[in-house]
Amino acid sequence: MPERNDGSVPERNDGSVPERNDGSVPERNDGSVPEDTHIDLVRSGGMAGLSLGTSVDVSSLPPDAATAVSGALSRVDVGALARRPPAVPSGPDRFQYDLTVTRGGKSQSVSLQESEVPADLRPLVNALMPLAQPRP
């Protein structure tokens, strides 16, 4: 799936149904995320092989960014994504996304090839990539 110049992942209408939370991560009924939520996202690979990443506490983000990230995160089941079998790399010059979400004292991590990023995760990636900086 091609990457846009702004770092976002294009939306895809493939009819997939987002997986639901199985209770492994605390979730609030109002769709918000706990104040102690911390997110690490690293995008690596691509034609230049550069890594970009961000590490944020949701509560420290500006209000608009916090709303976008919280809303996007409330629709993603990181635990279900982490339990999926790893995909075979999709080819040269593709991106890999490494996401770790820590909330309620529990961390969940997932690594996804560019072609594996599900529709329910794209808004979170798109909200976080503008905050990303080059990584060594």
N, C-alpha and C. Protein backbone atom coordinates (compact mmCIF):
# COMPACT_ATOMS: atom_id res chain seq x y z
N MET A 1 0.85 -1.16 0.00
CA MET A 1 0.00 0.00 0.00
C MET A 1 0.89 1.23 0.00
N PRO A 2 0.71 2.17 -0.90
CA PRO A 2 1.61 3.31 -0.98
C PRO A 2 1.46 4.24 0.21
N GLU A 3 2.55 4.84 0.59
CA GLU A 3 2.56 5.82 1.67
C GLU A 3 2.32 7.19 1.04
N ARG A 4 1.54 8.02 1.69
CA ARG A 4 1.31 9.37 1.22
C ARG A 4 2.48 10.24 1.63
N ASN A 5 2.66 11.37 0.96
CA ASN A 5 3.75 12.28 1.29
C ASN A 5 3.67 12.81 2.71
N ASP A 6 2.47 12.88 3.29
CA ASP A 6 2.32 13.40 4.65
C ASP A 6 2.55 12.33 5.71
N GLY A 7 2.94 11.12 5.31
CA GLY A 7 3.21 10.05 6.26
C GLY A 7 2.01 9.23 6.65
N SER A 8 0.83 9.59 6.14
CA SER A 8 -0.37 8.86 6.51
C SER A 8 -0.53 7.62 5.64
N VAL A 9 -1.32 6.69 6.14
CA VAL A 9 -1.62 5.46 5.42
C VAL A 9 -2.98 5.65 4.75
N PRO A 10 -3.08 5.45 3.44
CA PRO A 10 -4.36 5.67 2.77
C PRO A 10 -5.45 4.74 3.30
N GLU A 11 -6.66 5.26 3.34
CA GLU A 11 -7.81 4.46 3.73
C GLU A 11 -8.10 3.43 2.64
N ARG A 12 -8.61 2.28 3.04
CA ARG A 12 -8.94 1.23 2.08
C ARG A 12 -10.33 0.72 2.42
N ASN A 13 -11.20 0.62 1.45
CA ASN A 13 -12.54 0.11 1.68
C ASN A 13 -12.58 -1.34 1.21
N ASP A 14 -12.15 -2.25 2.11
CA ASP A 14 -12.09 -3.66 1.73
C ASP A 14 -13.18 -4.48 2.41
N GLY A 15 -14.09 -3.81 3.10
CA GLY A 15 -15.19 -4.51 3.73
C GLY A 15 -14.81 -5.24 5.00
N SER A 16 -13.57 -5.06 5.49
CA SER A 16 -13.17 -5.77 6.70
C SER A 16 -13.91 -5.22 7.92
N VAL A 17 -14.12 -6.09 8.87
CA VAL A 17 -14.81 -5.71 10.10
C VAL A 17 -13.77 -5.61 11.21
N PRO A 18 -13.68 -4.47 11.89
CA PRO A 18 -12.69 -4.33 12.96
C PRO A 18 -12.91 -5.37 14.05
N GLU A 19 -11.81 -5.90 14.58
CA GLU A 19 -11.88 -6.83 15.69
C GLU A 19 -12.26 -6.07 16.94
N ARG A 20 -12.93 -6.73 17.85
CA ARG A 20 -13.41 -6.09 19.08
C ARG A 20 -12.50 -6.41 20.25
N ASN A 21 -12.54 -5.55 21.25
CA ASN A 21 -11.73 -5.73 22.44
C ASN A 21 -12.23 -6.94 23.21
N ASP A 22 -11.30 -7.82 23.60
CA ASP A 22 -11.67 -9.02 24.35
C ASP A 22 -11.52 -8.83 25.86
N GLY A 23 -11.33 -7.60 26.29
CA GLY A 23 -11.21 -7.33 27.72
C GLY A 23 -9.80 -7.37 28.23
N SER A 24 -8.80 -7.62 27.35
CA SER A 24 -7.42 -7.72 27.81
C SER A 24 -6.82 -6.36 28.14
N VAL A 25 -7.44 -5.28 27.67
CA VAL A 25 -6.95 -3.94 27.93
C VAL A 25 -8.11 -3.14 28.51
N PRO A 26 -7.88 -2.40 29.60
CA PRO A 26 -8.96 -1.60 30.16
C PRO A 26 -9.53 -0.64 29.13
N GLU A 27 -10.82 -0.57 29.06
CA GLU A 27 -11.49 0.34 28.13
C GLU A 27 -12.63 1.00 28.86
N ARG A 28 -12.83 2.28 28.61
CA ARG A 28 -13.90 3.00 29.27
C ARG A 28 -15.14 2.95 28.40
N ASN A 29 -16.31 2.98 29.02
CA ASN A 29 -17.57 2.91 28.29
C ASN A 29 -17.79 4.13 27.40
N ASP A 30 -17.18 5.27 27.76
CA ASP A 30 -17.40 6.48 26.97
C ASP A 30 -16.46 6.57 25.77
N GLY A 31 -15.63 5.57 25.54
CA GLY A 31 -14.74 5.55 24.39
C GLY A 31 -13.44 6.31 24.61
N SER A 32 -13.27 6.93 25.79
CA SER A 32 -12.03 7.65 26.06
C SER A 32 -10.96 6.66 26.50
N VAL A 33 -9.74 7.14 26.54
CA VAL A 33 -8.65 6.29 27.00
C VAL A 33 -8.18 6.79 28.35
N PRO A 34 -7.63 5.92 29.20
CA PRO A 34 -7.14 6.35 30.51
C PRO A 34 -6.09 7.45 30.38
N GLU A 35 -6.04 8.33 31.37
CA GLU A 35 -5.09 9.44 31.35
C GLU A 35 -3.64 9.00 31.29
N ASP A 36 -3.34 7.82 31.83
CA ASP A 36 -1.95 7.35 31.86
C ASP A 36 -1.56 6.59 30.59
N THR A 37 -2.23 6.82 29.49
CA THR A 37 -1.94 6.11 28.25
C THR A 37 -0.69 6.69 27.59
N HIS A 38 0.23 5.80 27.26
CA HIS A 38 1.47 6.17 26.58
C HIS A 38 1.55 5.35 25.29
N ILE A 39 1.94 6.00 24.20
CA ILE A 39 2.01 5.33 22.89
C ILE A 39 3.38 5.56 22.28
N ASP A 40 3.98 4.48 21.80
CA ASP A 40 5.22 4.53 21.03
C ASP A 40 4.90 3.99 19.64
N LEU A 41 5.27 4.73 18.61
CA LEU A 41 5.09 4.28 17.24
C LEU A 41 6.37 4.54 16.47
N VAL A 42 6.88 3.51 15.80
CA VAL A 42 8.06 3.65 14.96
C VAL A 42 7.70 3.09 13.58
N ARG A 43 7.99 3.90 12.56
CA ARG A 43 7.85 3.44 11.17
C ARG A 43 9.25 3.32 10.61
N SER A 44 9.60 2.13 10.15
CA SER A 44 10.93 1.90 9.61
C SER A 44 10.81 1.32 8.21
N GLY A 45 11.95 1.35 7.52
CA GLY A 45 11.99 0.79 6.17
C GLY A 45 11.74 1.85 5.12
N GLY A 46 11.10 1.45 4.05
CA GLY A 46 10.88 2.36 2.93
C GLY A 46 12.10 2.42 2.04
N MET A 47 12.03 3.19 0.99
CA MET A 47 13.12 3.25 0.02
C MET A 47 14.43 3.74 0.63
N ALA A 48 14.35 4.69 1.54
CA ALA A 48 15.57 5.23 2.15
C ALA A 48 15.99 4.46 3.39
N GLY A 49 15.15 3.57 3.89
CA GLY A 49 15.48 2.80 5.08
C GLY A 49 15.51 3.63 6.36
N LEU A 50 14.83 4.76 6.36
CA LEU A 50 14.82 5.63 7.54
C LEU A 50 13.78 5.19 8.54
N SER A 51 14.06 5.47 9.80
CA SER A 51 13.09 5.22 10.87
C SER A 51 12.59 6.56 11.40
N LEU A 52 11.28 6.65 11.54
CA LEU A 52 10.64 7.80 12.16
C LEU A 52 9.84 7.26 13.34
N GLY A 53 9.83 8.01 14.44
CA GLY A 53 9.07 7.53 15.58
C GLY A 53 8.62 8.64 16.47
N THR A 54 7.65 8.30 17.30
CA THR A 54 7.15 9.22 18.31
C THR A 54 6.82 8.42 19.56
N SER A 55 6.95 9.09 20.69
CA SER A 55 6.64 8.51 21.98
C SER A 55 5.87 9.58 22.74
N VAL A 56 4.58 9.32 22.99
CA VAL A 56 3.73 10.36 23.57
C VAL A 56 2.89 9.84 24.72
N ASP A 57 2.69 10.72 25.69
CA ASP A 57 1.66 10.52 26.71
C ASP A 57 0.44 11.25 26.17
N VAL A 58 -0.67 10.56 26.02
CA VAL A 58 -1.86 11.16 25.41
C VAL A 58 -2.28 12.41 26.17
N SER A 59 -2.16 12.39 27.50
CA SER A 59 -2.60 13.53 28.30
C SER A 59 -1.75 14.78 28.07
N SER A 60 -0.54 14.63 27.51
CA SER A 60 0.33 15.79 27.29
C SER A 60 0.18 16.39 25.90
N LEU A 61 -0.63 15.78 25.06
CA LEU A 61 -0.83 16.29 23.70
C LEU A 61 -1.73 17.53 23.71
N PRO A 62 -1.58 18.41 22.70
CA PRO A 62 -2.53 19.50 22.57
C PRO A 62 -3.94 18.94 22.43
N PRO A 63 -4.96 19.69 22.84
CA PRO A 63 -6.34 19.16 22.85
C PRO A 63 -6.80 18.51 21.54
N ASP A 64 -6.53 19.14 20.40
CA ASP A 64 -6.97 18.56 19.12
C ASP A 64 -6.29 17.23 18.84
N ALA A 65 -4.97 17.18 19.08
CA ALA A 65 -4.23 15.95 18.85
C ALA A 65 -4.66 14.86 19.84
N ALA A 66 -4.87 15.25 21.11
CA ALA A 66 -5.31 14.28 22.12
C ALA A 66 -6.66 13.68 21.75
N THR A 67 -7.56 14.52 21.25
CA THR A 67 -8.88 14.03 20.84
C THR A 67 -8.75 13.06 19.67
N ALA A 68 -7.94 13.40 18.68
CA ALA A 68 -7.75 12.53 17.51
C ALA A 68 -7.12 11.21 17.91
N VAL A 69 -6.06 11.26 18.72
CA VAL A 69 -5.37 10.04 19.13
C VAL A 69 -6.27 9.18 20.02
N SER A 70 -6.95 9.81 20.99
CA SER A 70 -7.84 9.05 21.89
C SER A 70 -8.97 8.38 21.12
N GLY A 71 -9.58 9.12 20.21
CA GLY A 71 -10.67 8.56 19.41
C GLY A 71 -10.20 7.40 18.56
N ALA A 72 -9.04 7.57 17.92
CA ALA A 72 -8.49 6.50 17.08
C ALA A 72 -8.10 5.28 17.91
N LEU A 73 -7.49 5.52 19.06
CA LEU A 73 -7.06 4.41 19.91
C LEU A 73 -8.24 3.63 20.48
N SER A 74 -9.34 4.32 20.75
CA SER A 74 -10.51 3.64 21.32
C SER A 74 -11.14 2.65 20.33
N ARG A 75 -10.80 2.76 19.05
CA ARG A 75 -11.36 1.86 18.04
C ARG A 75 -10.41 0.72 17.66
N VAL A 76 -9.25 0.65 18.31
CA VAL A 76 -8.23 -0.35 17.97
C VAL A 76 -8.07 -1.34 19.11
N ASP A 77 -8.03 -2.61 18.79
CA ASP A 77 -7.74 -3.65 19.77
C ASP A 77 -6.30 -4.11 19.53
N VAL A 78 -5.36 -3.46 20.21
CA VAL A 78 -3.95 -3.76 20.03
C VAL A 78 -3.66 -5.20 20.41
N GLY A 79 -4.31 -5.69 21.45
CA GLY A 79 -4.10 -7.07 21.88
C GLY A 79 -4.46 -8.07 20.80
N ALA A 80 -5.57 -7.86 20.12
CA ALA A 80 -5.98 -8.76 19.04
C ALA A 80 -4.98 -8.69 17.88
N LEU A 81 -4.50 -7.49 17.59
CA LEU A 81 -3.50 -7.36 16.52
C LEU A 81 -2.21 -8.08 16.89
N ALA A 82 -1.82 -7.98 18.16
CA ALA A 82 -0.58 -8.61 18.61
C ALA A 82 -0.66 -10.13 18.58
N ARG A 83 -1.85 -10.68 18.72
CA ARG A 83 -2.01 -12.14 18.71
C ARG A 83 -2.04 -12.73 17.31
N ARG A 84 -2.15 -11.89 16.30
CA ARG A 84 -2.15 -12.39 14.92
C ARG A 84 -0.78 -12.93 14.56
N PRO A 85 -0.72 -13.98 13.74
CA PRO A 85 0.59 -14.48 13.34
C PRO A 85 1.31 -13.44 12.49
N PRO A 86 2.63 -13.34 12.63
CA PRO A 86 3.37 -12.36 11.86
C PRO A 86 3.30 -12.65 10.36
N ALA A 87 3.27 -11.61 9.59
CA ALA A 87 3.20 -11.77 8.13
C ALA A 87 4.61 -11.87 7.57
N VAL A 88 4.68 -12.49 6.44
CA VAL A 88 5.93 -12.53 5.69
C VAL A 88 6.17 -11.12 5.16
N PRO A 89 7.40 -10.61 5.24
CA PRO A 89 7.65 -9.27 4.71
C PRO A 89 7.09 -9.13 3.30
N SER A 90 6.46 -7.98 3.05
CA SER A 90 5.73 -7.79 1.80
C SER A 90 6.59 -7.36 0.63
N GLY A 91 7.87 -7.22 0.81
CA GLY A 91 8.75 -6.88 -0.29
C GLY A 91 9.69 -5.75 0.08
N PRO A 92 10.63 -5.49 -0.82
CA PRO A 92 11.59 -4.42 -0.53
C PRO A 92 10.91 -3.06 -0.54
N ASP A 93 11.52 -2.14 0.16
CA ASP A 93 11.08 -0.75 0.18
C ASP A 93 9.70 -0.56 0.78
N ARG A 94 9.26 -1.45 1.62
CA ARG A 94 7.98 -1.33 2.31
C ARG A 94 8.23 -0.88 3.74
N PHE A 95 7.21 -0.28 4.33
CA PHE A 95 7.33 0.17 5.71
C PHE A 95 6.90 -0.92 6.68
N GLN A 96 7.47 -0.85 7.88
CA GLN A 96 7.02 -1.65 9.01
C GLN A 96 6.64 -0.68 10.11
N TYR A 97 5.54 -0.98 10.80
CA TYR A 97 5.06 -0.15 11.90
C TYR A 97 5.17 -0.96 13.18
N ASP A 98 5.85 -0.39 14.19
CA ASP A 98 5.98 -1.01 15.51
C ASP A 98 5.23 -0.11 16.49
N LEU A 99 4.19 -0.65 17.09
CA LEU A 99 3.33 0.12 17.98
C LEU A 99 3.31 -0.52 19.36
N THR A 100 3.52 0.29 20.39
CA THR A 100 3.37 -0.16 21.78
C THR A 100 2.43 0.82 22.48
N VAL A 101 1.40 0.27 23.10
CA VAL A 101 0.45 1.06 23.87
C VAL A 101 0.53 0.60 25.31
N THR A 102 0.76 1.55 26.22
CA THR A 102 0.81 1.25 27.65
C THR A 102 -0.30 2.03 28.31
N ARG A 103 -1.20 1.31 28.96
CA ARG A 103 -2.29 1.95 29.71
C ARG A 103 -2.68 1.05 30.85
N GLY A 104 -3.04 1.68 31.94
CA GLY A 104 -3.40 0.90 33.12
C GLY A 104 -2.27 0.02 33.59
N GLY A 105 -1.01 0.41 33.33
CA GLY A 105 0.14 -0.38 33.75
C GLY A 105 0.44 -1.57 32.87
N LYS A 106 -0.32 -1.78 31.80
CA LYS A 106 -0.11 -2.92 30.91
C LYS A 106 0.34 -2.41 29.54
N SER A 107 1.36 -3.08 28.99
CA SER A 107 1.84 -2.74 27.66
C SER A 107 1.47 -3.82 26.68
N GLN A 108 1.11 -3.39 25.48
CA GLN A 108 0.84 -4.32 24.38
C GLN A 108 1.56 -3.80 23.16
N SER A 109 2.25 -4.69 22.47
CA SER A 109 3.03 -4.29 21.30
C SER A 109 2.64 -5.12 20.10
N VAL A 110 2.77 -4.48 18.94
CA VAL A 110 2.50 -5.17 17.68
C VAL A 110 3.42 -4.59 16.62
N SER A 111 3.91 -5.45 15.74
CA SER A 111 4.69 -5.05 14.58
C SER A 111 3.91 -5.49 13.34
N LEU A 112 3.69 -4.55 12.44
CA LEU A 112 2.91 -4.84 11.25
C LEU A 112 3.62 -4.36 10.00
N GLN A 113 3.58 -5.18 8.97
CA GLN A 113 4.06 -4.75 7.67
C GLN A 113 3.06 -3.75 7.10
N GLU A 114 3.52 -2.90 6.23
CA GLU A 114 2.67 -1.87 5.62
C GLU A 114 1.36 -2.44 5.08
N SER A 115 1.43 -3.59 4.44
CA SER A 115 0.23 -4.20 3.84
C SER A 115 -0.73 -4.78 4.87
N GLU A 116 -0.27 -4.94 6.11
CA GLU A 116 -1.10 -5.53 7.17
C GLU A 116 -1.85 -4.51 8.01
N VAL A 117 -1.58 -3.23 7.85
CA VAL A 117 -2.19 -2.22 8.70
C VAL A 117 -3.70 -2.21 8.44
N PRO A 118 -4.51 -2.66 9.44
CA PRO A 118 -5.95 -2.75 9.22
C PRO A 118 -6.61 -1.37 9.23
N ALA A 119 -7.78 -1.30 8.66
CA ALA A 119 -8.53 -0.04 8.54
C ALA A 119 -8.74 0.63 9.89
N ASP A 120 -8.97 -0.14 10.96
CA ASP A 120 -9.23 0.48 12.26
C ASP A 120 -7.97 1.04 12.91
N LEU A 121 -6.78 0.67 12.42
CA LEU A 121 -5.53 1.20 12.95
C LEU A 121 -5.04 2.43 12.18
N ARG A 122 -5.46 2.58 10.95
CA ARG A 122 -4.97 3.69 10.12
C ARG A 122 -5.20 5.07 10.74
N PRO A 123 -6.37 5.36 11.33
CA PRO A 123 -6.55 6.69 11.93
C PRO A 123 -5.54 6.97 13.05
N LEU A 124 -5.17 5.95 13.83
CA LEU A 124 -4.18 6.15 14.89
C LEU A 124 -2.81 6.45 14.28
N VAL A 125 -2.41 5.67 13.29
CA VAL A 125 -1.14 5.90 12.61
C VAL A 125 -1.13 7.30 11.99
N ASN A 126 -2.22 7.67 11.34
CA ASN A 126 -2.31 8.98 10.69
C ASN A 126 -2.28 10.13 11.69
N ALA A 127 -2.81 9.91 12.89
CA ALA A 127 -2.78 10.95 13.93
C ALA A 127 -1.39 11.08 14.55
N LEU A 128 -0.63 9.99 14.61
CA LEU A 128 0.68 10.00 15.27
C LEU A 128 1.84 10.35 14.34
N MET A 129 1.77 10.00 13.07
CA MET A 129 2.91 10.22 12.17
C MET A 129 3.32 11.68 12.04
N PRO A 130 2.42 12.65 12.08
CA PRO A 130 2.89 14.04 12.03
C PRO A 130 3.77 14.43 13.23
N LEU A 131 3.69 13.67 14.31
CA LEU A 131 4.51 13.93 15.50
C LEU A 131 5.86 13.23 15.45
N ALA A 132 6.05 12.35 14.46
CA ALA A 132 7.25 11.51 14.39
C ALA A 132 8.49 12.31 14.00
N GLN A 133 9.61 11.88 14.58
CA GLN A 133 10.92 12.48 14.31
C GLN A 133 11.86 11.37 13.84
N PRO A 134 12.92 11.72 13.11
CA PRO A 134 13.89 10.71 12.70
C PRO A 134 14.50 9.99 13.91
N ARG A 135 14.70 8.69 13.75
CA ARG A 135 15.31 7.86 14.79
C ARG A 135 16.63 7.30 14.25
N PRO A 136 17.61 7.11 15.14
CA PRO A 136 18.91 6.54 14.69
C PRO A 136 18.76 5.11 14.24
